[in-house]
Structures are given as structure tokens and as C-alpha cells.
Protein backbone atom coordinates (compact mmCIF):
# COMPACT_ATOMS: atom_id res chain seq x y z
CA UNK A 1 -20.38 -1.90 -15.55
CA UNK A 2 -19.51 1.73 -14.79
CA UNK A 3 -22.83 2.29 -13.07
CA UNK A 4 -22.24 -0.78 -10.89
CA UNK A 5 -18.86 0.51 -9.69
CA UNK A 6 -20.06 4.07 -9.09
CA UNK A 7 -23.04 2.70 -7.16
CA UNK A 8 -20.62 0.90 -4.81
CA UNK A 9 -18.72 4.10 -4.02
CA UNK A 10 -21.77 6.34 -3.65
CA UNK A 11 -23.78 3.82 -1.61
CA UNK A 12 -20.88 3.44 0.80
CA UNK A 13 -20.41 7.21 0.98
CA UNK A 14 -24.08 7.75 1.83
CA UNK A 15 -23.91 5.04 4.50
CA UNK A 16 -20.66 6.06 6.15
CA UNK A 17 -20.75 9.87 5.71
CA UNK A 18 -24.37 10.88 6.10
CA UNK A 19 -23.46 14.53 6.75
CA UNK A 20 -20.95 14.67 3.92
CA UNK A 21 -21.12 17.02 0.96
CA UNK A 22 -22.38 14.97 -2.00
CA UNK A 23 -21.27 17.49 -4.64
CA UNK A 24 -17.76 17.61 -3.17
CA UNK A 25 -17.64 13.80 -3.20
CA UNK A 26 -18.83 13.79 -6.83
CA UNK A 27 -15.89 16.06 -7.67
CA UNK A 28 -13.51 13.60 -5.99
CA UNK A 29 -15.00 10.70 -7.96
CA UNK A 30 -15.00 12.67 -11.23
CA UNK A 31 -11.32 13.46 -10.78
CA UNK A 32 -10.61 9.80 -9.94
CA UNK A 33 -12.43 8.68 -13.09
CA UNK A 34 -10.52 11.25 -15.16
CA UNK A 35 -7.29 9.43 -14.28
CA UNK A 36 -8.45 6.46 -16.35
CA UNK A 37 -8.56 8.83 -19.36
CA UNK A 38 -5.17 10.44 -18.67
CA UNK A 39 -6.11 13.61 -16.75
CA UNK A 40 -4.09 13.65 -13.52
CA UNK A 41 -4.99 16.93 -11.80
CA UNK A 42 -7.92 19.38 -11.59
CA UNK A 43 -6.35 21.85 -14.03
CA UNK A 44 -6.01 19.23 -16.78
CA UNK A 45 -9.61 18.08 -16.35
CA UNK A 46 -10.96 21.64 -16.21
CA UNK A 47 -9.11 22.56 -19.41
CA UNK A 48 -10.54 19.46 -21.12
CA UNK A 49 -14.08 20.35 -20.04
CA UNK A 50 -13.64 24.03 -20.85
CA UNK A 51 -14.57 25.21 -17.36
CA UNK A 52 -12.61 27.37 -14.88
CA UNK A 53 -10.42 25.16 -12.70
CA UNK A 54 -11.63 27.11 -9.66
CA UNK A 55 -14.98 25.31 -9.99
CA UNK A 56 -13.21 22.09 -9.09
CA UNK A 57 -10.73 23.50 -6.61
CA UNK A 58 -13.37 25.20 -4.46
CA UNK A 59 -15.14 21.86 -3.93
CA UNK A 60 -11.89 20.15 -2.90
CA UNK A 61 -11.49 22.60 -0.02
CA UNK A 62 -14.69 21.41 1.68
CA UNK A 63 -12.99 18.38 3.28
CA UNK A 64 -11.17 18.34 6.60
CA UNK A 65 -8.00 16.29 6.96
CA UNK A 66 -9.85 14.02 9.39
CA UNK A 67 -12.64 13.35 6.86
CA UNK A 68 -10.15 12.62 4.09
CA UNK A 69 -8.21 10.13 6.21
CA UNK A 70 -11.36 8.43 7.50
CA UNK A 71 -12.79 8.21 3.99
CA UNK A 72 -9.70 6.39 2.77
CA UNK A 73 -9.69 3.87 5.62
CA UNK A 74 -13.41 3.14 5.46
CA UNK A 75 -13.45 2.69 1.70
CA UNK A 76 -10.39 0.46 1.77
CA UNK A 77 -11.60 -1.65 4.70
CA UNK A 78 -14.94 -2.26 2.95
CA UNK A 79 -13.16 -3.21 -0.27
CA UNK A 80 -10.76 -5.51 1.57
CA UNK A 81 -13.61 -7.21 3.46
CA UNK A 82 -15.31 -8.02 0.15
CA UNK A 83 -12.21 -9.97 -0.89
CA UNK A 84 -11.28 -11.42 2.50
CA UNK A 85 -14.56 -12.93 3.67
CA UNK A 86 -14.98 -15.41 0.78
CA UNK A 87 -11.42 -16.66 1.36
CA UNK A 88 -11.56 -16.77 5.16
CA UNK A 89 -14.66 -18.97 4.99
CA UNK A 90 -12.77 -21.65 3.05
CA UNK A 91 -10.18 -24.27 3.99
CA UNK A 92 -6.69 -23.51 5.33
CA UNK A 93 -5.12 -24.66 2.05
CA UNK A 94 -7.34 -22.28 0.05
CA UNK A 95 -6.39 -19.43 2.38
CA UNK A 96 -2.73 -20.25 1.92
CA UNK A 97 -3.03 -20.28 -1.89
CA UNK A 98 -4.67 -16.84 -1.73
CA UNK A 99 -1.37 -15.40 -0.45
CA UNK A 100 -2.85 -13.07 2.16
CA UNK A 101 -0.29 -10.70 3.70
CA UNK A 102 -0.06 -7.20 5.10
CA UNK A 103 2.94 -5.63 3.37
CA UNK A 104 4.46 -2.55 4.99
CA UNK A 105 6.78 -0.18 3.18
CA UNK A 106 7.49 3.50 2.68
CA UNK A 107 8.13 5.34 -0.56
CA UNK A 108 9.45 8.84 -1.25
CA UNK A 109 7.58 11.06 -3.71
CA UNK A 110 10.14 13.50 -5.05
CA UNK A 111 8.98 17.12 -5.05
CA UNK A 112 10.59 20.40 -6.08
CA UNK A 113 8.28 22.69 -4.11
CA UNK A 114 9.23 23.78 -0.60
CA UNK A 115 5.81 24.91 0.65
CA UNK A 116 3.93 21.64 0.20
CA UNK A 117 3.09 19.97 3.49
CA UNK A 118 5.45 17.18 4.66
CA UNK A 119 8.10 18.05 2.06
CA UNK A 120 11.46 17.30 3.66
CA UNK A 121 14.76 15.58 3.01
CA UNK A 122 14.30 11.80 2.87
CA UNK A 123 16.46 8.92 1.69
CA UNK A 124 15.11 7.46 -1.56
CA UNK A 125 15.81 3.85 -2.51
CA UNK A 126 15.03 4.74 -6.11
CA UNK A 127 17.76 7.39 -6.33
CA UNK A 128 20.06 5.88 -3.66
CA UNK A 129 20.49 9.28 -2.04
CA UNK A 130 18.69 11.87 0.09
CA UNK A 131 16.21 13.95 -1.91
CA UNK A 132 13.50 16.50 -1.14
CA UNK A 133 10.08 14.95 -1.18
CA UNK A 134 7.24 13.45 0.81
CA UNK A 135 7.65 10.12 2.59
CA UNK A 136 4.52 7.98 2.35
CA UNK A 137 4.16 5.07 4.77
CA UNK A 138 1.76 2.40 3.56
CA UNK A 139 0.09 -0.82 4.68
CA UNK A 140 -1.11 -2.88 1.71
CA UNK A 141 -3.21 -6.05 1.77
CA UNK A 142 -2.18 -8.61 -0.82
CA UNK A 143 -4.66 -11.34 -1.76
CA UNK A 144 -4.94 -13.40 -4.94
CA UNK A 145 -2.12 -11.36 -6.53
CA UNK A 146 -4.00 -8.09 -5.95
CA UNK A 147 -2.78 -5.20 -3.78
CA UNK A 148 -5.22 -3.06 -1.79
CA UNK A 149 -3.90 -0.12 0.24
CA UNK A 150 -5.47 -0.21 3.70
CA UNK A 151 -3.77 2.75 5.31
CA UNK A 152 -1.47 5.47 3.96
CA UNK A 153 0.12 8.21 6.01
CA UNK A 154 2.54 10.97 5.10
CA UNK A 155 5.47 11.09 7.51
CA UNK A 156 5.93 14.70 8.54
CA UNK A 157 9.21 16.08 9.81
CA UNK A 158 9.95 15.18 13.40
CA UNK A 159 8.43 17.78 15.67
CA UNK A 160 8.28 18.32 19.39
CA UNK A 161 6.79 14.85 19.98
CA UNK A 162 9.60 13.16 18.03
CA UNK A 163 7.16 10.88 16.25
CA UNK A 164 8.96 8.16 14.30
CA UNK A 165 7.86 5.59 11.77
CA UNK A 166 7.64 2.80 14.33
CA UNK A 167 5.15 4.82 16.39
CA UNK A 168 3.17 5.69 13.26
CA UNK A 169 3.11 2.05 12.18
CA UNK A 170 1.80 0.80 15.53
CA UNK A 171 -0.88 3.51 15.49
CA UNK A 172 -1.90 2.59 11.93
CA UNK A 173 -2.06 -1.14 12.69
CA UNK A 174 -4.07 -0.56 15.87
CA UNK A 175 -6.53 1.63 13.94
CA UNK A 176 -6.92 -1.00 11.23
CA UNK A 177 -7.27 -3.83 13.74
CA UNK A 178 -10.20 -2.02 15.39
CA UNK A 179 -11.81 -1.30 11.99
CA UNK A 180 -11.60 -4.95 10.92
CA UNK A 181 -12.83 -6.14 14.31
CA UNK A 182 -16.05 -4.23 13.61
CA UNK A 183 -16.37 -6.23 10.39
CA UNK A 184 -15.84 -9.54 12.22
CA UNK A 185 -12.29 -10.14 10.88
CA UNK A 186 -9.21 -10.66 13.05
CA UNK A 187 -6.50 -8.77 11.18
CA UNK A 188 -3.72 -10.20 13.38
CA UNK A 189 -4.14 -13.63 11.73
CA UNK A 190 -2.73 -12.21 8.48
CA UNK A 191 1.11 -12.27 8.22
CA UNK A 192 3.15 -9.06 8.18
CA UNK A 193 6.07 -8.39 5.84
CA UNK A 194 8.42 -5.42 6.18
CA UNK A 195 11.69 -4.25 4.71
CA UNK A 196 14.91 -3.91 6.67
CA UNK A 197 14.26 -0.30 7.76
CA UNK A 198 11.84 -1.60 10.41
CA UNK A 199 14.27 -4.06 12.04
CA UNK A 200 14.33 -3.45 15.80
CA UNK A 201 13.69 -5.47 18.92
CA UNK A 202 11.36 -2.84 20.48
CA UNK A 203 9.15 -2.83 17.36
CA UNK A 204 9.13 -6.63 17.36
CA UNK A 205 7.86 -6.68 20.94
CA UNK A 206 5.23 -4.00 20.24
CA UNK A 207 3.89 -5.96 17.25
CA UNK A 208 3.56 -9.04 19.47
CA UNK A 209 1.60 -7.01 22.00
CA UNK A 210 -0.80 -5.81 19.28
CA UNK A 211 -1.39 -9.50 18.53
CA UNK A 212 0.48 -10.27 15.29
CA UNK A 213 1.90 -13.81 15.31
CA UNK A 214 3.48 -14.07 11.83
CA UNK A 215 6.07 -11.41 11.03
CA UNK A 216 8.70 -11.75 8.29
CA UNK A 217 11.19 -8.93 7.85
CA UNK A 218 14.15 -8.36 5.53
CA UNK A 219 17.48 -8.40 7.36
CA UNK A 220 20.28 -5.85 7.32
CA UNK A 221 23.78 -6.79 6.25
CA UNK A 222 25.45 -5.26 9.33
CA UNK A 223 23.72 -7.46 11.93
CA UNK A 224 25.86 -10.08 13.64
CA UNK A 225 24.75 -13.71 14.08
CA UNK A 226 26.29 -16.80 15.61
CA UNK A 227 25.56 -19.91 13.56
CA UNK A 228 27.04 -23.30 14.48
CA UNK A 229 29.38 -21.63 16.96
CA UNK A 230 30.77 -19.12 14.43
CA UNK A 231 30.07 -15.39 14.82
CA UNK A 232 30.18 -12.95 11.91
CA UNK A 233 28.22 -10.25 10.07
CA UNK A 234 25.19 -11.13 7.97
CA UNK A 235 27.02 -9.80 4.90
CA UNK A 236 29.55 -12.60 5.32
CA UNK A 237 26.91 -15.21 6.16
CA UNK A 238 25.16 -14.39 2.88
CA UNK A 239 28.34 -15.57 1.14
CA UNK A 240 29.06 -18.56 3.38
CA UNK A 241 25.67 -20.18 3.94
CA UNK A 242 25.15 -23.01 1.48
CA UNK A 243 21.83 -22.63 -0.31
CA UNK A 244 20.01 -25.71 -1.51
CA UNK A 245 18.38 -26.10 -4.90
CA UNK A 246 14.71 -25.10 -5.15
CA UNK A 247 12.43 -27.59 -3.45
CA UNK A 248 8.68 -27.99 -2.96
CA UNK A 249 7.19 -24.65 -1.97
CA UNK A 250 10.43 -22.69 -2.50
CA UNK A 251 11.30 -21.67 -6.05
CA UNK A 252 14.71 -20.11 -5.31
CA UNK A 253 17.98 -21.53 -3.90
CA UNK A 254 17.62 -21.15 -0.14
CA UNK A 255 18.63 -22.30 3.32
CA UNK A 256 16.79 -22.02 6.65
CA UNK A 257 19.13 -21.85 9.64
CA UNK A 258 18.92 -21.08 13.32
CA UNK A 259 21.11 -18.29 14.62
CA UNK A 260 21.77 -16.28 17.77
CA UNK A 261 21.87 -12.51 17.82
CA UNK A 262 23.05 -10.17 20.60
CA UNK A 263 19.97 -8.06 19.82
CA UNK A 264 17.24 -10.58 19.02
CA UNK A 265 18.39 -13.73 20.81
CA UNK A 266 17.64 -17.06 19.12
CA UNK A 267 16.12 -16.37 15.72
CA UNK A 268 15.29 -18.23 12.50
CA UNK A 269 17.05 -16.90 9.39
CA UNK A 270 16.11 -17.67 5.81
CA UNK A 271 18.85 -17.07 3.23
CA UNK A 272 17.88 -17.04 -0.43
CA UNK A 273 19.45 -16.19 -3.77
CA UNK A 274 17.63 -14.26 -6.51
CA UNK A 275 20.46 -14.38 -9.03
CA UNK A 276 24.07 -15.51 -9.22
CA UNK A 277 25.21 -12.20 -7.69
CA UNK A 278 22.32 -11.16 -5.41
CA UNK A 279 21.72 -12.86 -2.08
CA UNK A 280 19.36 -11.83 0.72
CA UNK A 281 18.11 -13.05 4.04
CA UNK A 282 14.90 -12.81 6.04
CA UNK A 283 14.31 -12.82 9.79
CA UNK A 284 11.39 -14.61 11.39
CA UNK A 285 10.12 -12.13 13.98
CA UNK A 286 7.18 -14.41 14.82
CA UNK A 287 6.80 -15.82 18.34
CA UNK A 288 6.43 -19.28 16.74
CA UNK A 289 8.73 -21.24 14.46
CA UNK A 290 7.94 -21.52 10.74
CA UNK A 291 9.13 -23.83 7.98
CA UNK A 292 11.23 -22.40 5.17
CA UNK A 293 8.41 -22.92 2.65
CA UNK A 294 6.02 -20.95 4.86
CA UNK A 295 8.49 -18.09 5.30
CA UNK A 296 9.09 -17.89 1.55
CA UNK A 297 5.39 -18.15 0.68
CA UNK A 298 4.68 -15.15 2.91
CA UNK A 299 7.59 -13.04 1.69
CA UNK A 300 7.11 -13.62 -2.04
CA UNK A 301 3.94 -11.47 -1.90
CA UNK A 302 5.92 -8.45 -0.65
CA UNK A 303 6.78 -7.22 -4.14
CA UNK A 304 3.11 -6.36 -4.72
CA UNK A 305 3.45 -3.27 -2.54
CA UNK A 306 6.06 -2.06 -5.02
CA UNK A 307 3.45 -2.57 -7.74
CA UNK A 308 1.07 -0.35 -5.79
CA UNK A 309 3.72 2.40 -5.53
CA UNK A 310 4.18 2.07 -9.29
CA UNK A 311 0.44 2.61 -9.82
CA UNK A 312 0.54 5.83 -7.78
CA UNK A 313 3.77 7.17 -9.24
CA UNK A 314 4.10 5.97 -12.82
CA UNK A 315 0.52 5.19 -13.89
CA UNK A 316 -1.50 7.81 -12.00
CA UNK A 317 1.31 10.40 -11.68
CA UNK A 318 0.95 11.39 -8.03
CA UNK A 319 3.57 14.12 -8.59
CA UNK A 320 1.28 15.84 -11.09
CA UNK A 321 -1.18 16.91 -8.39
CA UNK A 322 0.50 19.46 -6.13
CA UNK A 323 -2.17 21.07 -3.98
CA UNK A 324 -1.06 23.40 -1.21
CA UNK A 325 -1.58 22.81 2.50
CA UNK A 326 -4.21 20.20 3.36
CA UNK A 327 -4.64 19.63 -0.36
CA UNK A 328 -1.86 17.08 0.00
CA UNK A 329 -4.35 14.69 1.60
CA UNK A 330 -7.04 15.51 -0.97
CA UNK A 331 -4.67 14.69 -3.82
CA UNK A 332 -3.61 11.47 -2.13
CA UNK A 333 -7.24 10.37 -1.66
CA UNK A 334 -8.10 11.07 -5.31
CA UNK A 335 -5.14 8.99 -6.48
CA UNK A 336 -6.15 6.08 -4.23
CA UNK A 337 -9.79 6.30 -5.36
CA UNK A 338 -8.53 6.12 -8.95
CA UNK A 339 -6.49 3.00 -8.14
CA UNK A 340 -9.48 1.43 -6.36
CA UNK A 341 -11.69 2.09 -9.36
CA UNK A 342 -9.10 0.55 -11.68
CA UNK A 343 -8.77 -2.53 -9.43
CA UNK A 344 -12.55 -2.96 -9.34
CA UNK A 345 -12.74 -2.67 -13.14
CA UNK A 346 -9.98 -5.26 -13.39
CA UNK A 347 -12.23 -7.73 -11.58
CA UNK A 348 -14.71 -7.68 -14.49
CA UNK A 349 -14.27 -10.45 -17.03
CA UNK A 350 -13.52 -8.23 -20.09
CA UNK A 351 -10.60 -6.64 -18.20
CA UNK A 352 -9.44 -9.53 -16.00
CA UNK A 353 -6.37 -10.31 -18.12
CA UNK A 354 -5.40 -6.71 -18.83
CA UNK A 355 -3.00 -4.51 -16.92
CA UNK A 356 -4.24 -1.17 -15.59
CA UNK A 357 -2.40 0.63 -18.38
CA UNK A 358 -4.08 -1.58 -20.98
CA UNK A 359 -7.49 -0.93 -19.39
CA UNK A 360 -6.85 2.83 -19.56
CA UNK A 361 -5.91 2.62 -23.24
CA UNK A 362 -8.94 0.49 -24.03
CA UNK A 363 -11.42 2.79 -22.28
CA UNK A 364 -9.95 6.05 -23.56
CA UNK A 365 -10.04 4.65 -27.11
CA UNK A 366 -13.63 3.36 -27.01
CA UNK A 367 -15.36 5.83 -24.69
CA UNK A 368 -15.75 9.57 -24.38
CA UNK A 369 -14.98 11.03 -20.95
CA UNK A 370 -17.39 13.94 -21.38
CA UNK A 371 -20.30 11.55 -21.99
CA UNK A 372 -19.47 9.55 -18.87
CA UNK A 373 -19.12 12.64 -16.71
CA UNK A 374 -22.39 14.22 -17.86
CA UNK A 375 -24.19 10.90 -17.40
CA UNK A 376 -22.90 10.06 -13.93
CA UNK A 377 -22.13 13.52 -12.54
CA UNK A 378 -24.94 15.86 -13.65
CA UNK A 379 -23.90 18.76 -11.43
CA UNK A 380 -23.08 22.42 -11.94
CA UNK A 381 -19.29 22.14 -11.82
CA UNK A 382 -19.27 20.44 -15.26
CA UNK A 383 -20.72 23.43 -17.05
CA UNK A 384 -19.44 26.93 -17.64
């Protein structure tokens, strides 16, 4: 089982990065594997092996930022294609049941250091205030209740080009669209979901120009809509709109209405209630109309991107690896490789019903990390 998964990574590396440093890649993979056994940075692994941590760190410096970013995208696109092609070759109903979406969200990784690249003051939804940290913008593919990161990018502080998240998002989507085109898959056929930060008419128009036809986005409470001749803020509409009991395809009280906005013109709104005190609404940014059941079926996959952030933060402790300078991207790639390895292990029958945490406990209890490393990574950095 292990050999099968390592073969996938190394075969792809040899194919895509023919001039790459194999030993440096082995160090990346060894560090990714170590996460499964509870070692979350090079120092922890080096101490466990009884070797100087410099033996690992010197190998990590061999990668350029470009190589690290390209490695992530190529690995993730290949992994996504493996899951997409079997579904895309089946009927429309099967594709719908698979719950394919591209979920877009950003998450702040709180940091205390001031010299780490991209550390700045960002608003954190977790703490409900501005904190110092790194803002990570992600595009995650959800399919069959699995979440695969396709593209991750740290948002640096605004410089002389005044780059903002909307520009970064369009660049990321365009890059991914071209990568999937080379694999024979039209990425624009997969729906987009985004939180309310991304609400804007210019972004809506730019997404249409890229080719995306299904876009569902969470709405802000301060937007104004006219519904049935009455104009008021969305915060008030969330109280006034009558939501119907759950029906076929919609498992929450909801109501689909047509509204008019000074900003967006005529737009379909989907109000829903998650509890007796919490109500929300979605905006259909698509150029075509959609039924309420279709809107809800697309949006209900969005929570899986939060699960991916949880893997990076709580399970694989992204904060624990604080490498200076370009090491930020090295650390980020190792964490994603670890998550990819865990997801691929989860696809095997013995682990299919276990969470990633349960898989980690099972493997660390029944296997010895040193044996696996010396078997699969017989290179000099593992010895004193």
C-alpha cells in the first residue's frame, strides 16, 4: 500500500520535473510522511532520527519558489484528474450526485514572528478581529465528499502594483483552466462557490469572461434588494422572507426569490435557515437561472473547504513549521503533500471509513517510522 502511493508521487515527479533534484524531493516526501506519525517540522523529525537538522534544511533550500508552486499545481491537477475523469464519463445524474464544486475561500494562519514572508495584519473569522498572520487564498475541488486543494497562494501585503484578492483569484483560475485544458477537462463546467468577501459586480463579470457559468456566492447583510416592490437591506429580508419547510433536494427551510439590486440588477436570491436563530442568503451570480434545489446542492459542498483548512491547521499543524524567507512556500508544499498522502491512503479499503486522525493513530501504533523511512528513502540524510 505504501509503496503504491510513493510510486505515484515519484513517477509523477520524474515525469514532470526531469531536471529536479531527486534527493531534495525525497526529503520533501519524507517530511510529508513524518506528519502521519506526528512530526510536523524538520527539527522534530531530525531529533527523532538522531541526525543534525541541518541535513534536512540544506536540502529544502534547493527549490525555487517557481518550482515549489508548479509542483503543487501539477501534483494536485493530476490527482484531481484521477477523480474527475471517471465521474465526467458518466451520466448527468451521477455527476450531480458526486457534488463537484470549486470552493474558494481564504484563511488566516496566525503567526507571532515578524520576519516571515507575507506576515501582515489580516482579519480572522476565527478570532473575529485583525491579527498578525499569513492570509492563504485557496481553490479546493470537492467531489464525492472529498476535498482536494488545486491552488493555494499566500496573499502578500499590497505593494506598488496594488494586487488584490480578486486579481489573484482570476489569475489562479486562469492558470488552473489552462492546466485542466491540457488534460482534456473543461474546468469552467464545474460550479464555483465563494464566501461574501468576494461579492462584487466587477469580479462577477470577470468570472463570466473566464467562462464560468455556475457561480453561487454568500451574500452580505448590508446589500439592498427590492423584492415585490419593497426595498430594504438584506439583514431585514433575512427576517421577513418566509422560508418553506424542507422539500425534495433541499434539507433546510428555504425560499428562492427574485430581487433587484442597484449593484447587480435582477438577481436570484436563496434564503435559508440553519437553526432557529441563524439565517443566511445566497446570490446566484450565474448568467443562467437555477432552481432552488440546484443552488442548495452546489452550496452545501462549500463546508468541505473548511475541512481542508482544519487538516492544515489542526491536524498537520501548519503553524509548527516556520521557515524563513522562501521557506514559507516549502513548508506549505510539505503540508499539502502530507494531506494528499493522507487522502490517498483514505481511498484504500482498510482506511475508507476512518478519519485522517484515526488513520494517523492506527499507523503510528502499528508501524515504525524509522523502518518506513529506511525502506523507502535510503539516502544519506537519514544517517549521522
